[in-house]
Amino acid sequence: MFTLSGFGDEISSDLDEQLDAMKGIGIDYLEVRGAWGKNVLDFSDAEVGRLSQALASRRMRVSSIASPIGKVEIDAPFAPHLDDFRRVLDVAQRLNSPFLRIFSFYVPEGGQEEHRAEVMSRMEAFVRAAEQAPLTLLHENESLIFGDIPERAADILNTVASPKLRACYDPSNWVQVGVSRPFERAWPLLGEYVAYVHVKDAIATTGEVVTAGKGDGQVRELLQALKGRGGHYFLSLEPHLVFAGSTLGFSGADLFRQAADTLRELIASLD
């Protein structure tokens, strides 16, 4: 039902160190965001091949491509960004990734309604561009983008209305944008769309990122609901226990292992 994956660049910028550490704690899937100090969008063809070979040699696979697509201002020119999307879509297919993570654009505070139509148009363009690709796009809830709260995230999925676009659910991000009791608010709106989970938690009063179940993200309730529904879900560790930035985070090998152990304990405690 649950398969663990994770952001290897939370461990190290060196690919071999990422994969060896993850394999050492029993994780056989990688969510690809970066390596060698580069974002996945900037990988050369040779580097994509190098990554593929490194995974195959360890009998590991890719769970998702954690692209930065949609993490730009809504008024930025779209054509170059759509080209970037097509590039990362190609990378995802070369790596046999079943999922590709995207965002719904930074919008000015209070300007969500003004920019809604453009957001929807761009999200629909991503879906059209990916129609023939054997993967699913994931919209992640993220601070300051259009879909940063449950109601607007659901608006995107309901409006685009395509099985090619599902939700990547991040409990910590809900907490950090001020969504209290996030499972109770988000699940009724988004539950049917949730296909993938980014595992990190946060404390509402401080915004501090903590391991799963130790904050206010209602991670246990989410996992319980997914277990009750049935099916298969990747739980991708993105601990952010040392550093959390707009495009990357860092935990190190020891804290990454701690995050994995805490998640496994939480899973084992489910009804």
C-alpha atoms as a PDB file:
ATOM      1  CA  MET A   1       0.000   0.000   0.000  1.00  0.00           C
ATOM      2  CA  PHE A   2       2.735   2.481   0.968  1.00  0.00           C
ATOM      3  CA  THR A   3       6.124   2.594  -0.731  1.00  0.00           C
ATOM      4  CA  LEU A   4       8.809   4.871   0.664  1.00  0.00           C
ATOM      5  CA  SER A   5      10.726   7.196  -1.616  1.00  0.00           C
ATOM      6  CA  GLY A   6      12.637  10.383  -0.947  1.00  0.00           C
ATOM      7  CA  PHE A   7      14.471  13.453  -2.122  1.00  0.00           C
ATOM      8  CA  GLY A   8      18.038  12.232  -2.343  1.00  0.00           C
ATOM      9  CA  ASP A   9      19.426  15.747  -2.531  1.00  0.00           C
ATOM     10  CA  GLU A  10      18.263  16.216   1.072  1.00  0.00           C
ATOM     11  CA  ILE A  11      21.153  13.865   1.920  1.00  0.00           C
ATOM     12  CA  SER A  12      23.932  15.086  -0.359  1.00  0.00           C
ATOM     13  CA  SER A  13      24.527  16.830  -3.658  1.00  0.00           C
ATOM     14  CA  ASP A  14      26.614  13.829  -4.705  1.00  0.00           C
ATOM     15  CA  LEU A  15      24.432  11.291  -6.485  1.00  0.00           C
ATOM     16  CA  ASP A  16      26.293   8.206  -5.264  1.00  0.00           C
ATOM     17  CA  GLU A  17      26.074   9.401  -1.659  1.00  0.00           C
ATOM     18  CA  GLN A  18      22.347  10.013  -2.096  1.00  0.00           C
ATOM     19  CA  LEU A  19      21.619   6.571  -3.460  1.00  0.00           C
ATOM     20  CA  ASP A  20      23.916   4.642  -1.135  1.00  0.00           C
ATOM     21  CA  ALA A  21      22.408   6.323   1.936  1.00  0.00           C
ATOM     22  CA  MET A  22      18.855   5.674   0.775  1.00  0.00           C
ATOM     23  CA  LYS A  23      19.599   2.061  -0.092  1.00  0.00           C
ATOM     24  CA  GLY A  24      21.203   1.681   3.326  1.00  0.00           C
ATOM     25  CA  ILE A  25      17.953   2.577   5.067  1.00  0.00           C
ATOM     26  CA  GLY A  26      15.850   0.361   2.847  1.00  0.00           C
ATOM     27  CA  ILE A  27      14.474   2.894   0.367  1.00  0.00           C
ATOM     28  CA  ASP A  28      14.502   1.720  -3.237  1.00  0.00           C
ATOM     29  CA  TYR A  29      12.895   4.731  -4.934  1.00  0.00           C
ATOM     30  CA  LEU A  30      14.258   8.205  -5.601  1.00  0.00           C
ATOM     31  CA  GLU A  31      12.324  11.413  -6.143  1.00  0.00           C
ATOM     32  CA  VAL A  32      14.627  13.319  -8.482  1.00  0.00           C
ATOM     33  CA  ARG A  33      15.075  17.003  -7.726  1.00  0.00           C
ATOM     34  CA  GLY A  34      18.797  17.581  -7.999  1.00  0.00           C
ATOM     35  CA  ALA A  35      22.319  16.194  -8.022  1.00  0.00           C
ATOM     36  CA  TRP A  36      25.813  17.516  -8.555  1.00  0.00           C
ATOM     37  CA  GLY A  37      24.605  20.954  -7.474  1.00  0.00           C
ATOM     38  CA  LYS A  38      22.162  21.115 -10.384  1.00  0.00           C
ATOM     39  CA  ASN A  39      18.388  21.034 -10.638  1.00  0.00           C
ATOM     40  CA  VAL A  40      16.866  18.187 -12.651  1.00  0.00           C
ATOM     41  CA  LEU A  41      15.686  20.719 -15.238  1.00  0.00           C
ATOM     42  CA  ASP A  42      19.330  21.527 -15.959  1.00  0.00           C
ATOM     43  CA  PHE A  43      20.594  17.949 -16.312  1.00  0.00           C
ATOM     44  CA  SER A  44      22.303  17.215 -19.608  1.00  0.00           C
ATOM     45  CA  ASP A  45      21.411  14.102 -21.587  1.00  0.00           C
ATOM     46  CA  ALA A  46      24.666  12.566 -20.387  1.00  0.00           C
ATOM     47  CA  GLU A  47      23.768  13.279 -16.770  1.00  0.00           C
ATOM     48  CA  VAL A  48      20.323  11.741 -17.221  1.00  0.00           C
ATOM     49  CA  GLY A  49      22.056   8.627 -18.545  1.00  0.00           C
ATOM     50  CA  ARG A  50      24.488   8.654 -15.643  1.00  0.00           C
ATOM     51  CA  LEU A  51      21.591   8.856 -13.190  1.00  0.00           C
ATOM     52  CA  SER A  52      19.775   6.009 -14.930  1.00  0.00           C
ATOM     53  CA  GLN A  53      22.862   3.790 -14.747  1.00  0.00           C
ATOM     54  CA  ALA A  54      23.477   4.621 -11.081  1.00  0.00           C
ATOM     55  CA  LEU A  55      19.908   3.640 -10.218  1.00  0.00           C
ATOM     56  CA  ALA A  56      20.023   0.425 -12.238  1.00  0.00           C
ATOM     57  CA  SER A  57      23.276  -0.672 -10.610  1.00  0.00           C
ATOM     58  CA  ARG A  58      21.559  -0.471  -7.203  1.00  0.00           C
ATOM     59  CA  ARG A  59      18.231  -1.889  -8.392  1.00  0.00           C
ATOM     60  CA  MET A  60      16.543   1.406  -7.589  1.00  0.00           C
ATOM     61  CA  ARG A  61      13.861   3.272  -9.515  1.00  0.00           C
ATOM     62  CA  VAL A  62      12.353   6.745  -9.790  1.00  0.00           C
ATOM     63  CA  SER A  63       9.046   7.520  -8.064  1.00  0.00           C
ATOM     64  CA  SER A  64       8.660  11.074  -9.378  1.00  0.00           C
ATOM     65  CA  ILE A  65      10.485  13.980 -10.967  1.00  0.00           C
ATOM     66  CA  ALA A  66      10.350  16.919  -8.546  1.00  0.00           C
ATOM     67  CA  SER A  67      10.489  19.585 -11.205  1.00  0.00           C
ATOM     68  CA  PRO A  68      10.372  23.352 -10.570  1.00  0.00           C
ATOM     69  CA  ILE A  69       7.771  23.807 -13.310  1.00  0.00           C
ATOM     70  CA  GLY A  70       5.116  26.331 -12.335  1.00  0.00           C
ATOM     71  CA  LYS A  71       7.306  27.830  -9.632  1.00  0.00           C
ATOM     72  CA  VAL A  72       7.634  31.145 -11.434  1.00  0.00           C
ATOM     73  CA  GLU A  73       5.653  34.383 -11.447  1.00  0.00           C
ATOM     74  CA  ILE A  74       2.326  34.145 -13.239  1.00  0.00           C
ATOM     75  CA  ASP A  75       3.195  37.136 -15.427  1.00  0.00           C
ATOM     76  CA  ALA A  76       6.486  35.606 -16.615  1.00  0.00           C
ATOM     77  CA  PRO A  77       6.469  34.694 -20.337  1.00  0.00           C
ATOM     78  CA  PHE A  78       4.884  31.283 -20.712  1.00  0.00           C
ATOM     79  CA  ALA A  79       6.392  29.972 -23.953  1.00  0.00           C
ATOM     80  CA  PRO A  80       9.932  29.510 -22.541  1.00  0.00           C
ATOM     81  CA  HIS A  81       8.481  27.884 -19.440  1.00  0.00           C
ATOM     82  CA  LEU A  82       6.433  25.484 -21.550  1.00  0.00           C
ATOM     83  CA  ASP A  83       9.674  24.559 -23.315  1.00  0.00           C
ATOM     84  CA  ASP A  84      11.182  23.840 -19.904  1.00  0.00           C
ATOM     85  CA  PHE A  85       8.202  21.643 -19.125  1.00  0.00           C
ATOM     86  CA  ARG A  86       8.693  19.673 -22.327  1.00  0.00           C
ATOM     87  CA  ARG A  87      12.365  19.169 -21.433  1.00  0.00           C
ATOM     88  CA  VAL A  88      11.642  17.843 -17.947  1.00  0.00           C
ATOM     89  CA  LEU A  89       8.817  15.720 -19.364  1.00  0.00           C
ATOM     90  CA  ASP A  90      11.375  14.109 -21.656  1.00  0.00           C
ATOM     91  CA  VAL A  91      13.710  13.506 -18.706  1.00  0.00           C
ATOM     92  CA  ALA A  92      10.862  11.904 -16.756  1.00  0.00           C
ATOM     93  CA  GLN A  93      10.152   9.497 -19.595  1.00  0.00           C
ATOM     94  CA  ARG A  94      13.810   8.593 -19.996  1.00  0.00           C
ATOM     95  CA  LEU A  95      13.890   7.692 -16.315  1.00  0.00           C
ATOM     96  CA  ASN A  96      10.591   5.773 -16.475  1.00  0.00           C
ATOM     97  CA  SER A  97       9.066   7.999 -13.827  1.00  0.00           C
ATOM     98  CA  PRO A  98       5.352   7.430 -13.168  1.00  0.00           C
ATOM     99  CA  PHE A  99       4.877  10.972 -11.847  1.00  0.00           C
ATOM    100  CA  LEU A 100       6.042  14.529 -12.574  1.00  0.00           C
ATOM    101  CA  ARG A 101       5.534  17.260  -9.964  1.00  0.00           C
ATOM    102  CA  ILE A 102       4.452  20.771 -11.004  1.00  0.00           C
ATOM    103  CA  PHE A 103       3.191  23.960  -9.323  1.00  0.00           C
ATOM    104  CA  SER A 104       0.502  26.551 -10.089  1.00  0.00           C
ATOM    105  CA  PHE A 105       2.557  29.760 -10.331  1.00  0.00           C
ATOM    106  CA  TYR A 106       3.349  32.531  -7.908  1.00  0.00           C
ATOM    107  CA  VAL A 107       0.588  35.128  -7.824  1.00  0.00           C
ATOM    108  CA  PRO A 108       0.588  38.528  -6.067  1.00  0.00           C
ATOM    109  CA  GLU A 109      -1.029  38.563  -2.651  1.00  0.00           C
ATOM    110  CA  GLY A 110      -4.745  39.154  -3.103  1.00  0.00           C
ATOM    111  CA  GLY A 111      -4.489  38.654  -6.857  1.00  0.00           C
ATOM    112  CA  GLN A 112      -5.724  35.081  -7.069  1.00  0.00           C
ATOM    113  CA  GLU A 113      -9.062  35.888  -8.700  1.00  0.00           C
ATOM    114  CA  GLU A 114      -7.454  38.294 -11.157  1.00  0.00           C
ATOM    115  CA  HIS A 115      -4.990  35.645 -12.338  1.00  0.00           C
ATOM    116  CA  ARG A 116      -7.181  32.572 -12.022  1.00  0.00           C
ATOM    117  CA  ALA A 117      -7.984  32.269 -15.748  1.00  0.00           C
ATOM    118  CA  GLU A 118      -4.307  32.435 -16.702  1.00  0.00           C
ATOM    119  CA  VAL A 119      -3.369  29.845 -14.097  1.00  0.00           C
ATOM    120  CA  MET A 120      -6.011  27.466 -15.424  1.00  0.00           C
ATOM    121  CA  SER A 121      -4.932  28.053 -19.022  1.00  0.00           C
ATOM    122  CA  ARG A 122      -1.326  27.223 -18.197  1.00  0.00           C
ATOM    123  CA  MET A 123      -2.186  24.139 -16.159  1.00  0.00           C
ATOM    124  CA  GLU A 124      -4.353  22.891 -19.012  1.00  0.00           C
ATOM    125  CA  ALA A 125      -1.451  23.492 -21.408  1.00  0.00           C
ATOM    126  CA  PHE A 126       0.791  21.273 -19.277  1.00  0.00           C
ATOM    127  CA  VAL A 127      -1.820  18.529 -19.332  1.00  0.00           C
ATOM    128  CA  ARG A 128      -2.203  18.761 -23.119  1.00  0.00           C
ATOM    129  CA  ALA A 129       1.570  18.603 -23.580  1.00  0.00           C
ATOM    130  CA  ALA A 130       1.715  15.467 -21.420  1.00  0.00           C
ATOM    131  CA  GLU A 131      -1.285  13.670 -22.948  1.00  0.00           C
ATOM    132  CA  GLN A 132       0.805  11.053 -24.755  1.00  0.00           C
ATOM    133  CA  ALA A 133       3.335  10.576 -21.966  1.00  0.00           C
ATOM    134  CA  PRO A 134       2.986   7.451 -19.788  1.00  0.00           C
ATOM    135  CA  LEU A 135       2.964   9.371 -16.538  1.00  0.00           C
ATOM    136  CA  THR A 136       0.759  11.514 -14.308  1.00  0.00           C
ATOM    137  CA  LEU A 137       1.303  15.157 -13.406  1.00  0.00           C
ATOM    138  CA  LEU A 138       1.135  16.072  -9.735  1.00  0.00           C
ATOM    139  CA  HIS A 139       0.140  19.502  -8.484  1.00  0.00           C
ATOM    140  CA  GLU A 140       1.848  20.197  -5.164  1.00  0.00           C
ATOM    141  CA  ASN A 141       0.421  22.659  -2.652  1.00  0.00           C
ATOM    142  CA  GLU A 142       3.193  25.199  -2.018  1.00  0.00           C
ATOM    143  CA  SER A 143       3.450  28.558  -0.291  1.00  0.00           C
ATOM    144  CA  LEU A 144       2.502  31.639  -2.328  1.00  0.00           C
ATOM    145  CA  ILE A 145       1.382  29.821  -5.465  1.00  0.00           C
ATOM    146  CA  PHE A 146      -2.222  29.934  -6.654  1.00  0.00           C
ATOM    147  CA  GLY A 147      -2.999  26.503  -5.231  1.00  0.00           C
ATOM    148  CA  ASP A 148      -1.494  27.091  -1.799  1.00  0.00           C
ATOM    149  CA  ILE A 149      -4.726  26.480   0.125  1.00  0.00           C
ATOM    150  CA  PRO A 150      -7.106  23.523  -0.229  1.00  0.00           C
ATOM    151  CA  GLU A 151      -9.925  25.459  -1.889  1.00  0.00           C
ATOM    152  CA  ARG A 152      -7.765  26.772  -4.731  1.00  0.00           C
ATOM    153  CA  ALA A 153      -5.875  23.493  -5.136  1.00  0.00           C
ATOM    154  CA  ALA A 154      -9.242  21.776  -5.546  1.00  0.00           C
ATOM    155  CA  ASP A 155     -10.342  24.501  -7.972  1.00  0.00           C
ATOM    156  CA  ILE A 156      -7.420  23.606 -10.254  1.00  0.00           C
ATOM    157  CA  LEU A 157      -8.143  19.895 -10.227  1.00  0.00           C
ATOM    158  CA  ASN A 158     -11.873  20.357 -10.699  1.00  0.00           C
ATOM    159  CA  THR A 159     -11.403  22.859 -13.529  1.00  0.00           C
ATOM    160  CA  VAL A 160      -8.740  20.974 -15.469  1.00  0.00           C
ATOM    161  CA  ALA A 161     -10.711  17.785 -14.817  1.00  0.00           C
ATOM    162  CA  SER A 162      -8.176  15.393 -16.288  1.00  0.00           C
ATOM    163  CA  PRO A 163      -6.929  12.038 -14.984  1.00  0.00           C
ATOM    164  CA  LYS A 164      -3.490  13.214 -16.101  1.00  0.00           C
ATOM    165  CA  LEU A 165      -3.413  15.712 -13.222  1.00  0.00           C
ATOM    166  CA  ARG A 166      -3.605  14.589  -9.597  1.00  0.00           C
ATOM    167  CA  ALA A 167      -2.632  16.026  -6.219  1.00  0.00           C
ATOM    168  CA  CYS A 168       0.670  15.696  -4.416  1.00  0.00           C
ATOM    169  CA  TYR A 169      -0.308  16.287  -0.780  1.00  0.00           C
ATOM    170  CA  ASP A 170       2.225  18.072   1.448  1.00  0.00           C
ATOM    171  CA  PRO A 171       1.009  18.354   5.085  1.00  0.00           C
ATOM    172  CA  SER A 172       3.798  20.705   6.144  1.00  0.00           C
ATOM    173  CA  ASN A 173       3.071  23.191   3.379  1.00  0.00           C
ATOM    174  CA  TRP A 174      -0.568  23.458   4.464  1.00  0.00           C
ATOM    175  CA  VAL A 175       0.533  24.272   8.009  1.00  0.00           C
ATOM    176  CA  GLN A 176       3.063  26.852   6.872  1.00  0.00           C
ATOM    177  CA  VAL A 177       0.462  28.856   4.941  1.00  0.00           C
ATOM    178  CA  GLY A 178      -1.828  28.964   7.964  1.00  0.00           C
ATOM    179  CA  VAL A 179      -4.223  26.106   7.236  1.00  0.00           C
ATOM    180  CA  SER A 180      -5.257  24.850  10.647  1.00  0.00           C
ATOM    181  CA  ARG A 181      -6.410  21.226  11.012  1.00  0.00           C
ATOM    182  CA  PRO A 182      -5.255  20.678   7.396  1.00  0.00           C
ATOM    183  CA  PHE A 183      -6.523  17.137   6.954  1.00  0.00           C
ATOM    184  CA  GLU A 184     -10.013  18.080   8.085  1.00  0.00           C
ATOM    185  CA  ARG A 185     -10.064  21.026   5.697  1.00  0.00           C
ATOM    186  CA  ALA A 186      -8.241  19.571   2.707  1.00  0.00           C
ATOM    187  CA  TRP A 187      -9.309  15.932   2.545  1.00  0.00           C
ATOM    188  CA  PRO A 188     -13.012  16.537   1.808  1.00  0.00           C
ATOM    189  CA  LEU A 189     -11.976  18.759  -1.109  1.00  0.00           C
ATOM    190  CA  LEU A 190      -8.935  16.913  -2.411  1.00  0.00           C
ATOM    191  CA  GLY A 191      -9.106  13.363  -1.136  1.00  0.00           C
ATOM    192  CA  GLU A 192     -10.314  11.879  -4.405  1.00  0.00           C
ATOM    193  CA  TYR A 193      -7.352  13.447  -6.222  1.00  0.00           C
ATOM    194  CA  VAL A 194      -4.519  12.551  -3.822  1.00  0.00           C
ATOM    195  CA  ALA A 195      -2.117  10.177  -5.561  1.00  0.00           C
ATOM    196  CA  TYR A 196       1.213  10.959  -3.884  1.00  0.00           C
ATOM    197  CA  VAL A 197       2.444  12.337  -0.556  1.00  0.00           C
ATOM    198  CA  HIS A 198       5.426  14.467   0.388  1.00  0.00           C
ATOM    199  CA  VAL A 199       6.285  13.542   3.942  1.00  0.00           C
ATOM    200  CA  LYS A 200       7.180  16.369   6.246  1.00  0.00           C
ATOM    201  CA  ASP A 201       5.346  18.010   9.107  1.00  0.00           C
ATOM    202  CA  ALA A 202       5.414  21.455  10.737  1.00  0.00           C
ATOM    203  CA  ILE A 203       4.505  23.216  13.962  1.00  0.00           C
ATOM    204  CA  ALA A 204       1.827  25.842  13.398  1.00  0.00           C
ATOM    205  CA  THR A 205       2.992  28.374  15.985  1.00  0.00           C
ATOM    206  CA  THR A 206       6.585  28.537  14.761  1.00  0.00           C
ATOM    207  CA  GLY A 207       6.602  27.108  11.227  1.00  0.00           C
ATOM    208  CA  GLU A 208       9.382  24.731  12.268  1.00  0.00           C
ATOM    209  CA  VAL A 209       9.596  21.633  10.085  1.00  0.00           C
ATOM    210  CA  VAL A 210       9.580  18.366  12.041  1.00  0.00           C
ATOM    211  CA  THR A 211       9.307  14.651  11.361  1.00  0.00           C
ATOM    212  CA  ALA A 212       5.992  13.076  10.400  1.00  0.00           C
ATOM    213  CA  GLY A 213       3.410  13.076  13.157  1.00  0.00           C
ATOM    214  CA  LYS A 214       5.352  15.450  15.407  1.00  0.00           C
ATOM    215  CA  GLY A 215       3.664  18.630  14.147  1.00  0.00           C
ATOM    216  CA  ASP A 216       0.246  19.999  13.259  1.00  0.00           C
ATOM    217  CA  GLY A 217      -0.077  18.564   9.744  1.00  0.00           C
ATOM    218  CA  GLN A 218      -2.363  15.690  10.769  1.00  0.00           C
ATOM    219  CA  VAL A 219      -0.114  13.246   8.943  1.00  0.00           C
ATOM    220  CA  ARG A 220      -1.493  10.276  10.851  1.00  0.00           C
ATOM    221  CA  GLU A 221      -5.045  11.136   9.799  1.00  0.00           C
ATOM    222  CA  LEU A 222      -3.948  11.409   6.175  1.00  0.00           C
ATOM    223  CA  LEU A 223      -2.201   8.045   6.180  1.00  0.00           C
ATOM    224  CA  GLN A 224      -5.138   6.435   7.950  1.00  0.00           C
ATOM    225  CA  ALA A 225      -7.518   7.755   5.286  1.00  0.00           C
ATOM    226  CA  LEU A 226      -5.304   6.494   2.469  1.00  0.00           C
ATOM    227  CA  LYS A 227      -5.005   3.100   4.114  1.00  0.00           C
ATOM    228  CA  GLY A 228      -8.761   2.934   4.535  1.00  0.00           C
ATOM    229  CA  ARG A 229      -9.332   3.808   0.892  1.00  0.00           C
ATOM    230  CA  GLY A 230      -6.890   1.223  -0.415  1.00  0.00           C
ATOM    231  CA  GLY A 231      -4.581   1.446  -3.389  1.00  0.00           C
ATOM    232  CA  HIS A 232      -0.873   2.171  -3.665  1.00  0.00           C
ATOM    233  CA  TYR A 233       0.818   5.433  -2.652  1.00  0.00           C
ATOM    234  CA  PHE A 234       4.376   6.680  -2.668  1.00  0.00           C
ATOM    235  CA  LEU A 235       5.335   8.404   0.580  1.00  0.00           C
ATOM    236  CA  SER A 236       8.269  10.579  -0.403  1.00  0.00           C
ATOM    237  CA  LEU A 237      10.479  11.858   2.396  1.00  0.00           C
ATOM    238  CA  GLU A 238      11.334  15.550   2.087  1.00  0.00           C
ATOM    239  CA  PRO A 239      12.407  16.171   5.697  1.00  0.00           C
ATOM    240  CA  HIS A 240      13.832  19.734   5.488  1.00  0.00           C
ATOM    241  CA  LEU A 241      15.243  19.226   9.002  1.00  0.00           C
ATOM    242  CA  VAL A 242      18.347  21.428   8.591  1.00  0.00           C
ATOM    243  CA  PHE A 243      17.437  23.843   5.817  1.00  0.00           C
ATOM    244  CA  ALA A 244      14.287  24.639   3.857  1.00  0.00           C
ATOM    245  CA  GLY A 245      14.520  26.912   0.820  1.00  0.00           C
ATOM    246  CA  SER A 246      12.245  27.807  -2.057  1.00  0.00           C
ATOM    247  CA  THR A 247      13.880  25.334  -4.446  1.00  0.00           C
ATOM    248  CA  LEU A 248      15.618  22.793  -2.209  1.00  0.00           C
ATOM    249  CA  GLY A 249      16.044  21.541   1.322  1.00  0.00           C
ATOM    250  CA  PHE A 250      18.668  19.673   3.321  1.00  0.00           C
ATOM    251  CA  SER A 251      18.647  17.191   6.174  1.00  0.00           C
ATOM    252  CA  GLY A 252      21.821  15.091   5.925  1.00  0.00           C
ATOM    253  CA  ALA A 253      22.047  11.328   6.111  1.00  0.00           C
ATOM    254  CA  ASP A 254      21.487  10.927   9.865  1.00  0.00           C
ATOM    255  CA  LEU A 255      18.376  13.111  10.028  1.00  0.00           C
ATOM    256  CA  PHE A 256      17.049  11.568   6.839  1.00  0.00           C
ATOM    257  CA  ARG A 257      17.308   8.159   8.484  1.00  0.00           C
ATOM    258  CA  GLN A 258      15.533   9.569  11.543  1.00  0.00           C
ATOM    259  CA  ALA A 259      12.718  10.868   9.339  1.00  0.00           C
ATOM    260  CA  ALA A 260      12.391   7.443   7.693  1.00  0.00           C
ATOM    261  CA  ASP A 261      12.326   5.638  11.045  1.00  0.00           C
ATOM    262  CA  THR A 262       9.660   7.996  12.405  1.00  0.00           C
ATOM    263  CA  LEU A 263       7.512   7.513   9.306  1.00  0.00           C
ATOM    264  CA  ARG A 264       7.780   3.737   9.534  1.00  0.00           C
ATOM    265  CA  GLU A 265       6.768   3.850  13.190  1.00  0.00           C
ATOM    266  CA  LEU A 266       3.781   5.993  12.281  1.00  0.00           C
ATOM    267  CA  ILE A 267       2.702   3.587   9.543  1.00  0.00           C
ATOM    268  CA  ALA A 268       3.044   0.622  11.889  1.00  0.00           C
ATOM    269  CA  SER A 269       0.785   2.338  14.438  1.00  0.00           C
ATOM    270  CA  LEU A 270      -2.137   2.843  12.036  1.00  0.00           C
ATOM    271  CA  ASP A 271      -5.369   1.021  12.747  1.00  0.00           C
END
